[in-house]
Structure formats: C-alpha cells, structure tokens
Amino acid sequence: MEPKSESKAETGIDPRIVADLAPTGVLRASVNLGNPVLARGTSENPGGITVDLAREIGARLGVPVELVCFDAARRSYEAMASGRADLCFLAVEPAREAEVAFTAPYVVIEGVYAVPRGSALRTPADVDAPGVRIGVKEGSAYDLFLTRTLRHATLVRGAEGVDTFAERELEAGAGIRQPMTAYAAAHPEVRLVEERFMEIRQAVGTTIGRAPETVAYLRAVVEELKTNGFVAASLRRSGQDANLVAPPAN
C-alpha cells in the first residue's frame, strides 16, 4: 500500500505546470535504490523518502506516479538526462547541473572514508596524499566531488566504493556515512575516518528545459515539505535519522 500523503493536496494548480512536469500524463520518477538512506526495498516494492516525495508530488499534480528504479545514482541521472524520467532525486553537483534543475536540498548526508584499522590516515586531509588510492562508486556524488577536489590521491572506481576498497586492498574507500558505519561495524579490520570529507546535498531535480514556473513550483513544494514535517516523518518511517532534514533554503 502506498503511504498516505501527509499534507493536503493542492487545488487549482496551473495545468501548464502539470503538462510540463508530466507530459505523458504520468509522473515518471527516477529512484536510486543504491542509496539506502533515501530509498530501500526492490524495484517492485520500493520505499523511503524519495518514493514518498515522488508520490506526494504526483498527488499534488493529480497524476499517477511511475517509479523507475536503478541501483546507482549514475543510472538515475542518465534516465533523467535522456528524458526517460520527469523527476530525479540526486545530490547537487556541478557536473549534473548542466542537465538538471535542482531544488534546494531536502536532506543533507555526509561522505566519509573507511581505512584499514592500522592505517596512519586520520583526517580527510591525510587521505589526499600521493600514493593513496580511494575506492569510489562510479558516478556517485562523492566520485564527482572527489574528482574535482582531490589534489594528490587517486580514485579507483567500481560498483561500490567500499567493496572496491576491500577487493583491491586500497588505502581508503569513500561512501555515505550510514552504510559505511554499518560496514565498519561488521568488519573489525576496518575503521572510519570520522571527520566528513563532504556534505552531500540531496535534492529533487528535473530537466533544465522545464519552464521556470515548473521549477519554481517544485522548489516551493520541497520547502513546504521540509517545514511541515513531511520529510522528517518519512525519514523516521524508513528507519533514518529525522535530523538529516536540510535547513530552509536561503
């Protein structure tokens, strides 16, 4: 059963916005099941904050929602950029903004490193050193961020950053704090570098070709859902920390 909308559906929405955002008559939402903070379950039965947001936006537009699920942010982005989806739920990154118009973040999570327990690497600055190889999930927000910010370390891309780190016996692996914490707890030979190396600002996006009024509508809806408790309640339902809700946009 789909979760019940927690905010009153809007009335009198401009039909031009509906037609612009859901031109097929169905709101196609690209969901990344590879980020367990934001989505969980299977392609047949997904859940989590991104799923709840997609269904809420569809309810406000008065159109059905089709959830198009992927196992990686890179594939979710490609679906959005190629026109196979109308909405996406991705981290804001300059490399993506060439194709995607983002709202302000609805959730802020952190990127952290895992290292061998006996490693001398203690801070993110330590990790960015000559000879250090970092496993990353190809096309992830932290892959994009580290690609443009690292000065000395080398990225090694794979299906999952922490798996690449373990399989290739690298000096570090990068990932999202929550699953990385769980990984370290299950692997005593590994510890986290507790200081984050980045904030990952998760936002709702649509293609940049949408009308300015459509993008403004999405931005307003996201701000409302942050302030009225919808996002926090959805996070709690999926077992996540409600304190991850992003602050109001400036």
Protein backbone atom coordinates (compact mmCIF):
# COMPACT_ATOMS: atom_id res chain seq x y z
CA MET A 1 0.00 0.00 0.00
CA GLU A 2 1.29 3.44 -0.87
CA PRO A 3 1.99 5.72 2.11
CA LYS A 4 -0.73 8.23 2.76
CA SER A 5 0.11 11.81 1.85
CA GLU A 6 0.85 13.81 4.97
CA SER A 7 -0.02 17.20 3.56
CA LYS A 8 -3.20 18.45 1.99
CA ALA A 9 -3.23 18.11 -1.80
CA GLU A 10 -3.18 21.42 -3.55
CA THR A 11 -6.13 22.66 -5.58
CA GLY A 12 -6.11 24.96 -8.54
CA ILE A 13 -2.60 24.11 -9.75
CA ASP A 14 -1.80 25.66 -13.11
CA PRO A 15 -2.49 22.93 -15.71
CA ARG A 16 0.51 24.16 -17.69
CA ILE A 17 2.76 23.05 -14.83
CA VAL A 18 1.09 19.63 -14.77
CA ALA A 19 1.54 19.24 -18.52
CA ASP A 20 5.14 20.42 -18.36
CA LEU A 21 6.20 18.18 -15.49
CA ALA A 22 4.20 15.10 -16.52
CA PRO A 23 3.86 15.39 -20.32
CA THR A 24 2.85 11.72 -20.72
CA GLY A 25 0.09 12.07 -18.13
CA VAL A 26 2.20 10.04 -15.67
CA LEU A 27 4.89 11.46 -13.39
CA ARG A 28 7.94 9.28 -14.05
CA ALA A 29 10.27 9.42 -11.04
CA SER A 30 13.81 8.07 -11.19
CA VAL A 31 14.71 6.40 -7.88
CA ASN A 32 18.23 5.37 -6.81
CA LEU A 33 17.98 2.21 -4.71
CA GLY A 34 21.75 2.31 -4.29
CA ASN A 35 21.46 4.93 -1.52
CA PRO A 36 19.84 3.20 1.49
CA VAL A 37 19.31 6.49 3.34
CA LEU A 38 16.95 7.68 0.60
CA ALA A 39 15.42 4.52 -0.86
CA ARG A 40 15.00 0.90 0.15
CA GLY A 41 13.29 -2.28 -0.97
CA THR A 42 13.09 -3.58 -4.51
CA SER A 43 12.13 -2.19 -7.89
CA GLU A 44 8.74 -3.88 -7.45
CA ASN A 45 8.20 -2.54 -3.92
CA PRO A 46 10.42 0.48 -3.20
CA GLY A 47 10.12 2.75 -0.18
CA GLY A 48 11.89 5.60 1.55
CA ILE A 49 11.92 9.38 1.42
CA THR A 50 12.43 9.64 -2.36
CA VAL A 51 9.48 7.36 -3.02
CA ASP A 52 7.29 9.32 -0.60
CA LEU A 53 8.32 12.60 -2.23
CA ALA A 54 7.53 11.30 -5.71
CA ARG A 55 4.10 10.10 -4.65
CA GLU A 56 3.34 13.33 -2.82
CA ILE A 57 4.28 15.46 -5.83
CA GLY A 58 2.20 13.21 -8.08
CA ALA A 59 -0.77 13.54 -5.74
CA ARG A 60 -0.49 17.33 -5.81
CA LEU A 61 -0.34 17.31 -9.60
CA GLY A 62 -3.27 14.91 -9.76
CA VAL A 63 -1.43 12.36 -11.91
CA PRO A 64 -0.31 8.75 -11.34
CA VAL A 65 3.33 8.08 -10.47
CA GLU A 66 5.64 5.59 -12.16
CA LEU A 67 8.74 4.73 -10.13
CA VAL A 68 11.71 3.93 -12.38
CA CYS A 69 14.29 2.30 -10.12
CA PHE A 70 18.05 1.99 -10.54
CA ASP A 71 20.93 0.67 -8.45
CA ALA A 72 23.19 3.71 -8.85
CA ALA A 73 22.94 7.49 -8.99
CA ARG A 74 24.74 7.47 -12.34
CA ARG A 75 21.95 5.44 -13.95
CA SER A 76 19.27 7.53 -12.29
CA TYR A 77 20.91 10.66 -13.67
CA GLU A 78 21.15 9.15 -17.16
CA ALA A 79 17.41 8.38 -17.12
CA MET A 80 16.67 11.96 -16.20
CA ALA A 81 19.05 13.46 -18.74
CA SER A 82 17.78 11.25 -21.58
CA GLY A 83 14.12 12.07 -20.99
CA ARG A 84 13.10 8.67 -19.59
CA ALA A 85 12.14 10.29 -16.28
CA ASP A 86 10.48 13.55 -15.27
CA LEU A 87 11.90 13.76 -11.74
CA CYS A 88 15.10 12.60 -10.11
CA PHE A 89 16.42 12.55 -6.55
CA LEU A 90 20.15 13.21 -6.65
CA ALA A 91 22.89 15.11 -4.88
CA VAL A 92 23.51 18.59 -6.23
CA GLU A 93 26.79 18.58 -8.14
CA PRO A 94 28.10 20.97 -10.85
CA ALA A 95 28.56 18.09 -13.32
CA ARG A 96 24.85 17.32 -13.07
CA GLU A 97 23.58 20.89 -13.19
CA ALA A 98 24.34 21.03 -16.91
CA GLU A 99 21.27 18.80 -17.42
CA VAL A 100 19.27 19.04 -14.19
CA ALA A 101 17.45 21.94 -12.49
CA PHE A 102 17.58 21.23 -8.77
CA THR A 103 15.51 22.34 -5.82
CA ALA A 104 17.21 23.24 -2.57
CA PRO A 105 18.27 20.11 -0.63
CA TYR A 106 15.64 18.23 1.35
CA VAL A 107 18.23 16.04 3.12
CA VAL A 108 21.92 16.54 3.87
CA ILE A 109 24.08 13.46 4.43
CA GLU A 110 27.85 13.05 4.77
CA GLY A 111 30.61 11.39 2.80
CA VAL A 112 33.27 9.64 4.89
CA TYR A 113 36.28 7.41 4.35
CA ALA A 114 36.93 3.87 5.55
CA VAL A 115 40.55 2.80 6.05
CA PRO A 116 42.33 -0.28 7.41
CA ARG A 117 42.26 -0.23 11.21
CA GLY A 118 46.01 0.15 11.46
CA SER A 119 46.20 2.94 8.89
CA ALA A 120 48.01 6.16 9.72
CA LEU A 121 45.31 8.13 7.86
CA ARG A 122 43.28 10.06 10.45
CA THR A 123 41.72 13.01 8.63
CA PRO A 124 40.38 13.71 5.12
CA ALA A 125 43.48 15.83 4.51
CA ASP A 126 45.65 12.79 5.32
CA VAL A 127 43.77 10.75 2.71
CA ASP A 128 44.52 13.23 -0.07
CA ALA A 129 48.17 12.24 -0.33
CA PRO A 130 50.44 10.79 -3.02
CA GLY A 131 50.20 7.01 -3.21
CA VAL A 132 46.75 6.84 -1.58
CA ARG A 133 44.13 5.03 -3.67
CA ILE A 134 40.46 5.60 -2.83
CA GLY A 135 37.67 3.25 -3.85
CA VAL A 136 34.51 5.06 -5.02
CA LYS A 137 31.18 4.11 -6.56
CA GLU A 138 31.37 5.22 -10.17
CA GLY A 139 29.20 8.25 -10.91
CA SER A 140 28.22 8.82 -7.28
CA ALA A 141 28.10 12.29 -5.76
CA TYR A 142 31.32 11.62 -3.89
CA ASP A 143 33.01 10.36 -7.06
CA LEU A 144 32.11 13.65 -8.77
CA PHE A 145 33.14 15.71 -5.75
CA LEU A 146 36.47 13.95 -5.24
CA THR A 147 37.22 14.05 -8.96
CA ARG A 148 37.17 17.86 -8.86
CA THR A 149 38.71 18.41 -5.40
CA LEU A 150 41.45 15.83 -4.82
CA ARG A 151 44.97 17.06 -5.47
CA HIS A 152 47.17 14.03 -4.78
CA ALA A 153 45.21 10.82 -4.12
CA THR A 154 43.95 8.55 -6.92
CA LEU A 155 40.38 7.34 -7.40
CA VAL A 156 39.62 3.71 -8.21
CA ARG A 157 36.06 3.37 -9.49
CA GLY A 158 33.82 0.34 -9.10
CA ALA A 159 30.26 -0.80 -8.43
CA GLU A 160 30.60 0.07 -4.72
CA GLY A 161 33.36 2.15 -3.19
CA VAL A 162 33.80 0.11 -0.04
CA ASP A 163 33.77 -3.19 -1.97
CA THR A 164 36.41 -1.85 -4.36
CA PHE A 165 38.44 -0.73 -1.33
CA ALA A 166 38.32 -4.24 0.17
CA GLU A 167 38.77 -6.24 -3.03
CA ARG A 168 41.67 -4.16 -4.34
CA GLU A 169 43.25 -3.71 -0.88
CA LEU A 170 43.25 0.06 -1.32
CA GLU A 171 44.32 2.64 1.23
CA ALA A 172 40.78 4.08 1.61
CA GLY A 173 37.18 3.71 0.49
CA ALA A 174 34.62 6.50 0.18
CA GLY A 175 30.90 6.34 0.85
CA ILE A 176 27.85 7.62 2.71
CA ARG A 177 28.23 7.71 6.49
CA GLN A 178 25.31 5.43 7.42
CA PRO A 179 26.18 2.39 5.27
CA MET A 180 29.89 2.97 5.87
CA THR A 181 29.29 2.89 9.62
CA ALA A 182 27.43 -0.40 9.26
CA TYR A 183 30.23 -1.81 7.11
CA ALA A 184 32.90 -0.87 9.65
CA ALA A 185 30.84 -2.42 12.46
CA ALA A 186 30.69 -5.70 10.51
CA HIS A 187 34.39 -5.65 9.57
CA PRO A 188 36.63 -5.14 12.62
CA GLU A 189 39.69 -4.79 10.39
CA VAL A 190 38.23 -1.50 9.12
CA ARG A 191 37.57 1.85 10.82
CA LEU A 192 36.11 5.14 9.68
CA VAL A 193 37.85 8.46 9.37
CA GLU A 194 35.19 10.16 11.48
CA GLU A 195 35.52 13.65 10.01
CA ARG A 196 33.41 14.01 6.87
CA PHE A 197 35.13 14.87 3.61
CA MET A 198 31.93 16.37 2.12
CA GLU A 199 28.30 17.23 2.69
CA ILE A 200 26.02 15.50 0.19
CA ARG A 201 23.05 17.78 -0.55
CA GLN A 202 20.21 15.60 -1.78
CA ALA A 203 17.62 17.45 -3.85
CA VAL A 204 14.72 16.95 -6.24
CA GLY A 205 15.60 17.60 -9.87
CA THR A 206 14.01 17.88 -13.28
CA THR A 207 15.44 18.62 -16.70
CA ILE A 208 16.66 22.15 -17.31
CA GLY A 209 14.30 22.51 -20.27
CA ARG A 210 11.29 22.78 -17.96
CA ALA A 211 9.56 26.14 -17.67
CA PRO A 212 10.80 28.45 -14.89
CA GLU A 213 7.33 28.27 -13.31
CA THR A 214 7.58 24.48 -13.13
CA VAL A 215 10.97 24.57 -11.43
CA ALA A 216 9.75 27.27 -9.04
CA TYR A 217 6.75 25.08 -8.18
CA LEU A 218 8.97 22.11 -7.35
CA ARG A 219 11.21 24.29 -5.21
CA ALA A 220 8.23 25.65 -3.27
CA VAL A 221 6.80 22.17 -2.68
CA VAL A 222 10.12 20.87 -1.34
CA GLU A 223 10.41 23.81 1.05
CA GLU A 224 6.88 23.22 2.31
CA LEU A 225 7.50 19.50 2.86
CA LYS A 226 10.66 20.28 4.83
CA THR A 227 8.94 22.78 7.10
CA ASN A 228 5.64 20.95 7.66
CA GLY A 229 7.31 17.77 8.94
CA PHE A 230 6.66 15.56 5.90
CA VAL A 231 10.35 14.88 5.19
CA ALA A 232 11.19 14.18 8.86
CA ALA A 233 8.23 11.80 9.23
CA SER A 234 9.18 9.94 6.07
CA LEU A 235 12.76 9.53 7.28
CA ARG A 236 11.55 8.12 10.59
CA ARG A 237 9.24 5.65 8.84
CA SER A 238 12.16 4.27 6.86
CA GLY A 239 14.38 3.98 9.94
CA GLN A 240 16.53 7.02 9.21
CA ASP A 241 17.51 9.96 11.40
CA ALA A 242 14.98 12.81 11.13
CA ASN A 243 17.82 15.24 11.86
CA LEU A 244 19.01 14.69 8.30
CA VAL A 245 16.37 17.16 7.06
CA ALA A 246 18.08 20.04 5.29
CA PRO A 247 17.71 23.58 6.67
CA PRO A 248 15.35 26.01 4.91
CA ALA A 249 16.62 27.46 1.66
CA ASN A 250 18.01 30.98 1.75
